[in-house]
Amino acid sequence: QFRFGAMLLLSLLTKGHWGPCIVFVTTTLYLLTSGRAKSWLRVWGWRTWLILLGGMGLWLSALWVEGGGTYLEHLATDRIYQPLIDSFFRHSRPWFYYLGSVWVISMPWGPLCMVMLVASMVRRWRNTTESNWLRKFSLPTPLQNFFAMIFLVTLVGLSCIPGKIDVRLLPVFPFLIYVGVMQMGQWHWPLKWQWRMLWVCRFILIGIFIAGCFVPTFNSEMGCYGHLCWRARQISRELKTEGYYTYQLKSMSNMDVYLHEDPKEARMADFVQHNMQNSLLLIDEKEYQGLQLRLSHLRVSKEWRGTIVGRKGPYAIVLFPKEEILTPTQVNVLQ
């Protein structure tokens, strides 16, 4: 229970409230379907809750000391409560989106393992004499059933979350691949082919690990806003600007961590009515070129379309003046 609680705490710190929720639902459903409901109190005993709740208490206390009550309120409302409400009422993509995308993004091993899973369940259903329909579709060992339950619960749970992003399916792949590979022994394939397939998987994973070591080099080109926000704060201190705006940037919900304040999402009316005086706009440079054209059609004067005062990767930092306009020499010094 102590180790289980520690793992739950790590899932909370890395995946938010959805981490412990998915583990809770998975273990509960598995124990109920396997006829071991009495073991629930042993799995979720007082030691598990002590580690989980105690660790949460220490973490929240550290957040309160560093960010104060305002940050805790922001964390509870904007990071937990609001996404939870949105998960039931607002979806950018249909709830069954992952059911189709999981076949593509887990290529080539995912589809193979899913086909083997379905074939194993159908084979067991035909050969077993069990009257319980759950046991007729179950897999040969408890571990396989547990891994399959994790895969299904996580897939359904992520389908309930708004903002369907394919990378969120990454946690289900290990369980899908492992439980799929476990079915290989039932089909009496030659052992050498089984080992060859496993070695191919190992080489692919090693290649992914080596490639991942070079990912930080390309962060600024991949939509990571840390470096962009760092440069924006530096320029803001130099020019003494007030506030930040963004325009058509995706996944900007965590930019407040880097900027130490919430950026505002700019609207076309803000550009036309000069609401962004003495502030910085963070925008993709190609998007900014198109924005310049649209603002010129709306007869917005050139000085109120902003001036690029910094760049980071594909992004531009645009200054909107308050009273005076920067000279070309000042712009060149900043860039």
Protein backbone atom coordinates (compact mmCIF):
# COMPACT_ATOMS: atom_id res chain seq x y z
CA GLN A 1 0.00 0.00 0.00
CA PHE A 2 2.88 2.41 0.71
CA ARG A 3 4.40 1.78 -2.72
CA PHE A 4 1.00 1.98 -4.39
CA GLY A 5 0.30 5.31 -2.67
CA ALA A 6 3.69 6.66 -3.77
CA MET A 7 2.94 5.73 -7.40
CA LEU A 8 -0.48 7.41 -7.14
CA LEU A 9 1.16 10.57 -5.84
CA LEU A 10 3.57 10.56 -8.79
CA SER A 11 0.65 10.10 -11.20
CA LEU A 12 -1.02 13.13 -9.62
CA LEU A 13 2.09 15.28 -10.00
CA THR A 14 2.66 14.26 -13.62
CA LYS A 15 -0.87 13.84 -15.01
CA GLY A 16 -3.00 15.95 -12.69
CA HIS A 17 -6.21 14.72 -11.12
CA TRP A 18 -6.87 12.41 -14.07
CA GLY A 19 -3.93 10.17 -13.08
CA PRO A 20 -5.32 8.93 -9.73
CA CYS A 21 -8.89 8.96 -11.12
CA ILE A 22 -8.04 6.54 -13.93
CA VAL A 23 -6.12 4.27 -11.53
CA PHE A 24 -9.04 4.31 -9.09
CA VAL A 25 -11.61 3.41 -11.76
CA THR A 26 -9.34 0.78 -13.32
CA THR A 27 -8.56 -1.08 -10.10
CA THR A 28 -12.18 -0.89 -8.90
CA LEU A 29 -13.62 -2.26 -12.15
CA TYR A 30 -10.98 -4.97 -12.34
CA LEU A 31 -11.68 -6.20 -8.81
CA LEU A 32 -15.45 -6.15 -9.43
CA THR A 33 -15.29 -8.02 -12.75
CA SER A 34 -12.80 -10.59 -11.44
CA GLY A 35 -14.94 -11.40 -8.38
CA ARG A 36 -12.44 -9.92 -5.90
CA ALA A 37 -14.46 -6.95 -4.61
CA LYS A 38 -13.45 -7.77 -1.01
CA SER A 39 -9.85 -6.94 -1.89
CA TRP A 40 -10.75 -3.30 -2.58
CA LEU A 41 -10.14 -2.24 1.01
CA ARG A 42 -6.77 -3.98 0.98
CA VAL A 43 -5.71 -2.15 -2.18
CA TRP A 44 -7.17 1.22 -1.20
CA GLY A 45 -6.37 0.93 2.50
CA TRP A 46 -5.44 3.63 4.98
CA ARG A 47 -1.75 3.44 4.07
CA THR A 48 -2.52 4.23 0.43
CA TRP A 49 -4.65 7.24 1.40
CA LEU A 50 -2.05 8.38 3.94
CA ILE A 51 0.71 8.59 1.33
CA LEU A 52 -1.57 10.11 -1.33
CA LEU A 53 -3.31 12.71 0.83
CA GLY A 54 -0.19 13.45 2.88
CA GLY A 55 1.85 14.04 -0.26
CA MET A 56 -0.91 16.23 -1.71
CA GLY A 57 -0.93 18.24 1.51
CA LEU A 58 2.82 18.85 1.37
CA TRP A 59 2.64 19.80 -2.32
CA LEU A 60 -0.27 22.23 -1.84
CA SER A 61 1.47 23.75 1.18
CA ALA A 62 4.58 24.40 -0.91
CA LEU A 63 2.40 26.00 -3.62
CA TRP A 64 0.71 28.21 -1.03
CA VAL A 65 4.07 29.34 0.37
CA GLU A 66 5.41 30.16 -3.10
CA GLY A 67 2.32 31.49 -4.90
CA GLY A 68 -0.14 32.41 -2.15
CA GLY A 69 -3.86 31.79 -1.94
CA THR A 70 -4.52 33.44 -5.31
CA TYR A 71 -2.48 30.83 -7.15
CA LEU A 72 -4.21 27.98 -5.27
CA GLU A 73 -7.59 29.42 -6.25
CA HIS A 74 -6.43 29.71 -9.85
CA LEU A 75 -5.19 26.11 -9.75
CA ALA A 76 -8.49 24.81 -8.36
CA THR A 77 -10.78 26.72 -10.71
CA ASP A 78 -8.88 26.99 -14.00
CA ARG A 79 -6.91 23.72 -13.83
CA ILE A 80 -9.35 21.34 -12.11
CA TYR A 81 -12.94 22.56 -11.84
CA GLN A 82 -13.31 24.25 -15.23
CA PRO A 83 -11.69 21.41 -17.27
CA LEU A 84 -13.88 18.94 -15.38
CA ILE A 85 -17.03 20.86 -16.36
CA ASP A 86 -15.80 21.29 -19.93
CA SER A 87 -15.17 17.55 -20.20
CA PHE A 88 -18.90 16.93 -19.99
CA PHE A 89 -20.29 19.81 -22.06
CA ARG A 90 -17.64 21.11 -24.48
CA HIS A 91 -15.81 18.93 -26.97
CA SER A 92 -13.78 20.16 -29.91
CA ARG A 93 -13.92 16.66 -31.41
CA PRO A 94 -16.45 13.82 -31.01
CA TRP A 95 -16.11 11.52 -28.01
CA PHE A 96 -15.23 8.57 -30.27
CA TYR A 97 -12.25 10.39 -31.85
CA TYR A 98 -9.65 8.26 -30.06
CA LEU A 99 -11.34 5.04 -31.18
CA GLY A 100 -10.27 5.86 -34.72
CA SER A 101 -6.97 7.64 -34.11
CA VAL A 102 -5.52 4.94 -31.83
CA TRP A 103 -5.21 2.63 -34.84
CA VAL A 104 -3.12 5.16 -36.76
CA ILE A 105 -0.83 6.63 -34.09
CA SER A 106 0.09 3.22 -32.65
CA MET A 107 1.27 1.86 -36.00
CA PRO A 108 2.57 -0.73 -36.68
CA TRP A 109 2.39 -2.64 -33.36
CA GLY A 110 -0.87 -1.22 -32.02
CA PRO A 111 -3.21 -2.60 -34.73
CA LEU A 112 -1.44 -5.96 -34.61
CA CYS A 113 -1.85 -6.21 -30.83
CA MET A 114 -5.49 -5.09 -30.95
CA VAL A 115 -6.30 -7.72 -33.58
CA MET A 116 -4.55 -10.38 -31.47
CA LEU A 117 -6.53 -9.26 -28.40
CA VAL A 118 -9.86 -9.51 -30.17
CA ALA A 119 -8.91 -12.87 -31.72
CA SER A 120 -7.89 -14.24 -28.30
CA MET A 121 -11.18 -13.16 -26.70
CA VAL A 122 -13.21 -14.68 -29.55
CA ARG A 123 -11.21 -17.90 -29.32
CA ARG A 124 -11.74 -18.12 -25.57
CA TRP A 125 -15.46 -17.40 -26.00
CA ARG A 126 -15.77 -20.32 -28.41
CA ASN A 127 -13.76 -22.80 -26.35
CA THR A 128 -14.91 -22.03 -22.79
CA THR A 129 -17.94 -23.55 -21.11
CA GLU A 130 -18.35 -20.73 -18.57
CA SER A 131 -21.86 -19.37 -18.15
CA ASN A 132 -20.67 -15.95 -16.93
CA TRP A 133 -20.37 -13.75 -20.03
CA LEU A 134 -17.54 -11.70 -18.52
CA ARG A 135 -15.41 -14.79 -17.98
CA LYS A 136 -16.20 -16.02 -21.48
CA PHE A 137 -14.51 -12.93 -22.92
CA SER A 138 -11.69 -12.76 -20.38
CA LEU A 139 -8.04 -13.41 -21.21
CA PRO A 140 -6.06 -16.43 -19.94
CA THR A 141 -4.26 -14.79 -16.98
CA PRO A 142 -5.21 -12.13 -14.39
CA LEU A 143 -2.30 -9.92 -15.45
CA GLN A 144 -3.53 -9.89 -19.04
CA ASN A 145 -7.04 -8.99 -17.89
CA PHE A 146 -5.65 -6.20 -15.72
CA PHE A 147 -3.59 -4.73 -18.57
CA ALA A 148 -6.58 -4.93 -20.92
CA MET A 149 -8.75 -3.16 -18.33
CA ILE A 150 -6.16 -0.36 -18.00
CA PHE A 151 -6.14 0.09 -21.77
CA LEU A 152 -9.94 0.23 -22.06
CA VAL A 153 -10.53 2.49 -19.03
CA THR A 154 -7.81 4.94 -20.08
CA LEU A 155 -9.14 5.06 -23.65
CA VAL A 156 -12.70 5.72 -22.45
CA GLY A 157 -11.53 8.17 -19.77
CA LEU A 158 -9.50 10.24 -22.24
CA SER A 159 -12.51 10.28 -24.56
CA CYS A 160 -14.40 12.14 -21.82
CA ILE A 161 -11.80 14.92 -21.75
CA PRO A 162 -12.17 17.91 -24.11
CA GLY A 163 -9.39 18.95 -26.44
CA LYS A 164 -8.60 15.59 -28.04
CA ILE A 165 -4.81 15.48 -28.59
CA ASP A 166 -3.26 12.30 -29.96
CA VAL A 167 -0.19 12.51 -27.71
CA ARG A 168 -2.44 11.99 -24.66
CA LEU A 169 -2.88 8.37 -25.74
CA LEU A 170 0.79 7.66 -25.03
CA PRO A 171 0.14 6.15 -21.54
CA VAL A 172 -2.06 3.39 -23.00
CA PHE A 173 0.53 2.08 -25.45
CA PRO A 174 2.71 0.09 -23.00
CA PHE A 175 -0.27 -1.87 -21.69
CA LEU A 176 -1.68 -2.41 -25.18
CA ILE A 177 1.65 -3.68 -26.54
CA TYR A 178 2.42 -5.90 -23.52
CA VAL A 179 -0.98 -7.56 -23.39
CA GLY A 180 -0.87 -8.01 -27.16
CA VAL A 181 2.55 -9.65 -27.07
CA MET A 182 1.33 -11.95 -24.29
CA GLN A 183 -1.12 -13.50 -26.77
CA MET A 184 1.66 -14.64 -29.09
CA GLY A 185 2.20 -17.91 -27.24
CA GLN A 186 -1.37 -19.03 -27.90
CA TRP A 187 -0.93 -19.12 -31.65
CA HIS A 188 2.09 -21.47 -31.71
CA TRP A 189 4.26 -19.20 -33.79
CA PRO A 190 7.88 -20.29 -34.25
CA LEU A 191 9.92 -19.08 -31.32
CA LYS A 192 12.54 -17.45 -33.56
CA TRP A 193 9.89 -15.21 -35.15
CA GLN A 194 8.62 -14.17 -31.74
CA TRP A 195 12.14 -13.20 -30.66
CA ARG A 196 12.75 -11.35 -33.93
CA MET A 197 9.60 -9.27 -33.44
CA LEU A 198 10.60 -8.45 -29.86
CA TRP A 199 14.08 -7.39 -30.95
CA VAL A 200 12.59 -5.11 -33.61
CA CYS A 201 10.46 -3.49 -30.87
CA ARG A 202 13.55 -3.04 -28.70
CA PHE A 203 15.55 -1.36 -31.47
CA ILE A 204 12.64 1.00 -32.17
CA LEU A 205 12.41 1.97 -28.50
CA ILE A 206 16.18 2.51 -28.29
CA GLY A 207 16.00 4.72 -31.38
CA ILE A 208 13.15 6.75 -29.89
CA PHE A 209 15.12 7.19 -26.64
CA ILE A 210 18.24 8.41 -28.48
CA ALA A 211 16.18 10.79 -30.64
CA GLY A 212 14.42 12.11 -27.52
CA CYS A 213 17.76 13.23 -26.10
CA PHE A 214 17.98 15.83 -28.90
CA VAL A 215 14.40 17.11 -28.56
CA PRO A 216 15.26 20.08 -26.25
CA THR A 217 17.41 21.51 -29.04
CA PHE A 218 14.29 22.00 -31.16
CA ASN A 219 11.90 23.16 -28.42
CA SER A 220 11.52 26.64 -29.86
CA GLU A 221 10.55 25.14 -33.23
CA MET A 222 7.99 22.71 -31.79
CA GLY A 223 5.56 25.01 -30.00
CA CYS A 224 7.32 25.09 -26.62
CA TYR A 225 6.70 28.60 -25.33
CA GLY A 226 9.25 28.62 -22.50
CA HIS A 227 12.02 30.35 -24.45
CA LEU A 228 9.53 32.70 -26.13
CA CYS A 229 8.07 33.80 -22.79
CA TRP A 230 11.54 34.22 -21.29
CA ARG A 231 12.49 36.57 -24.15
CA ALA A 232 9.17 38.43 -23.84
CA ARG A 233 9.71 39.07 -20.12
CA GLN A 234 13.21 40.34 -20.84
CA ILE A 235 11.89 42.79 -23.46
CA SER A 236 9.04 43.83 -21.15
CA ARG A 237 11.53 44.79 -18.43
CA GLU A 238 13.62 46.77 -20.92
CA LEU A 239 10.69 48.68 -22.42
CA LYS A 240 8.58 48.79 -19.23
CA THR A 241 5.48 47.46 -20.98
CA GLU A 242 2.27 46.39 -19.27
CA GLY A 243 0.65 43.04 -20.02
CA TYR A 244 0.91 40.35 -22.68
CA TYR A 245 -1.40 39.30 -25.48
CA THR A 246 -1.41 36.23 -27.71
CA TYR A 247 -3.02 35.68 -31.08
CA GLN A 248 -3.84 32.30 -32.62
CA LEU A 249 -1.41 30.36 -30.38
CA LYS A 250 -2.37 26.81 -29.48
CA SER A 251 -2.08 25.26 -26.00
CA MET A 252 -1.35 28.55 -24.24
CA SER A 253 -2.94 27.47 -20.94
CA ASN A 254 0.44 27.14 -19.16
CA MET A 255 2.05 30.35 -20.39
CA ASP A 256 1.18 32.07 -17.10
CA VAL A 257 3.82 29.90 -15.42
CA TYR A 258 6.53 31.43 -17.63
CA LEU A 259 5.17 34.98 -17.81
CA HIS A 260 4.12 35.15 -14.13
CA GLU A 261 0.76 36.51 -15.27
CA ASP A 262 -2.12 35.43 -17.48
CA PRO A 263 -1.78 36.53 -21.12
CA LYS A 264 -4.93 37.73 -22.85
CA GLU A 265 -6.22 36.30 -26.11
CA ALA A 266 -6.28 39.21 -28.58
CA ARG A 267 -9.35 39.78 -30.75
CA MET A 268 -9.62 41.75 -33.95
CA ALA A 269 -11.48 44.50 -32.07
CA ASP A 270 -8.44 44.96 -29.81
CA PHE A 271 -6.29 45.82 -32.82
CA VAL A 272 -8.84 48.16 -34.37
CA GLN A 273 -9.71 49.99 -31.12
CA HIS A 274 -6.09 50.24 -29.91
CA ASN A 275 -6.79 48.31 -26.70
CA MET A 276 -3.27 46.83 -26.62
CA GLN A 277 -1.34 50.01 -25.89
CA ASN A 278 2.06 49.59 -24.25
CA SER A 279 1.82 45.78 -24.34
CA LEU A 280 3.51 42.87 -26.09
CA LEU A 281 1.87 40.45 -28.50
CA LEU A 282 3.19 36.88 -28.86
CA ILE A 283 2.35 35.50 -32.28
CA ASP A 284 3.57 33.17 -35.01
CA GLU A 285 5.51 35.30 -37.47
CA LYS A 286 3.66 33.91 -40.51
CA GLU A 287 0.35 34.59 -38.77
CA TYR A 288 1.54 38.12 -38.05
CA GLN A 289 2.16 38.75 -41.74
CA GLY A 290 -1.42 37.75 -42.52
CA LEU A 291 -2.67 39.87 -39.63
CA GLN A 292 -0.85 42.90 -41.03
CA LEU A 293 -2.70 42.46 -44.32
CA ARG A 294 -6.10 42.18 -42.61
CA LEU A 295 -5.44 45.26 -40.48
CA SER A 296 -4.43 47.27 -43.54
CA HIS A 297 -7.76 46.38 -45.17
CA LEU A 298 -9.47 47.65 -42.01
CA ARG A 299 -7.61 50.97 -42.44
CA VAL A 300 -5.57 50.57 -39.25
CA SER A 301 -2.56 52.88 -39.44
CA LYS A 302 0.85 51.25 -39.76
CA GLU A 303 2.16 52.37 -36.36
CA TRP A 304 -0.83 50.73 -34.63
CA ARG A 305 -0.25 47.38 -36.34
CA GLY A 306 2.66 46.80 -34.00
CA THR A 307 6.42 46.56 -34.36
CA ILE A 308 8.44 43.36 -34.10
CA VAL A 309 10.94 43.86 -31.28
CA GLY A 310 12.05 40.25 -30.78
CA ARG A 311 12.00 36.78 -32.27
CA LYS A 312 12.33 33.27 -30.91
CA GLY A 313 12.11 30.35 -33.31
CA PRO A 314 9.05 30.78 -35.56
CA TYR A 315 7.45 33.28 -33.16
CA ALA A 316 7.57 37.06 -33.04
CA ILE A 317 7.23 39.49 -30.13
CA VAL A 318 5.32 42.58 -31.25
CA LEU A 319 5.20 45.88 -29.39
CA PHE A 320 2.14 48.11 -29.44
CA PRO A 321 3.11 51.64 -28.36
CA LYS A 322 1.32 53.87 -25.91
CA GLU A 323 2.32 57.38 -26.91
CA GLU A 324 5.59 57.38 -28.73
CA ILE A 325 6.61 55.17 -31.66
CA LEU A 326 9.92 53.33 -31.61
CA THR A 327 12.52 54.54 -34.06
CA PRO A 328 14.10 52.01 -36.49
CA THR A 329 17.36 52.27 -34.50
CA GLN A 330 15.62 51.24 -31.26
CA VAL A 331 13.94 48.30 -33.03
CA ASN A 332 17.29 47.07 -34.44
CA VAL A 333 18.92 47.26 -30.98
CA LEU A 334 16.14 45.16 -29.44
CA GLN A 335 16.22 42.56 -32.20
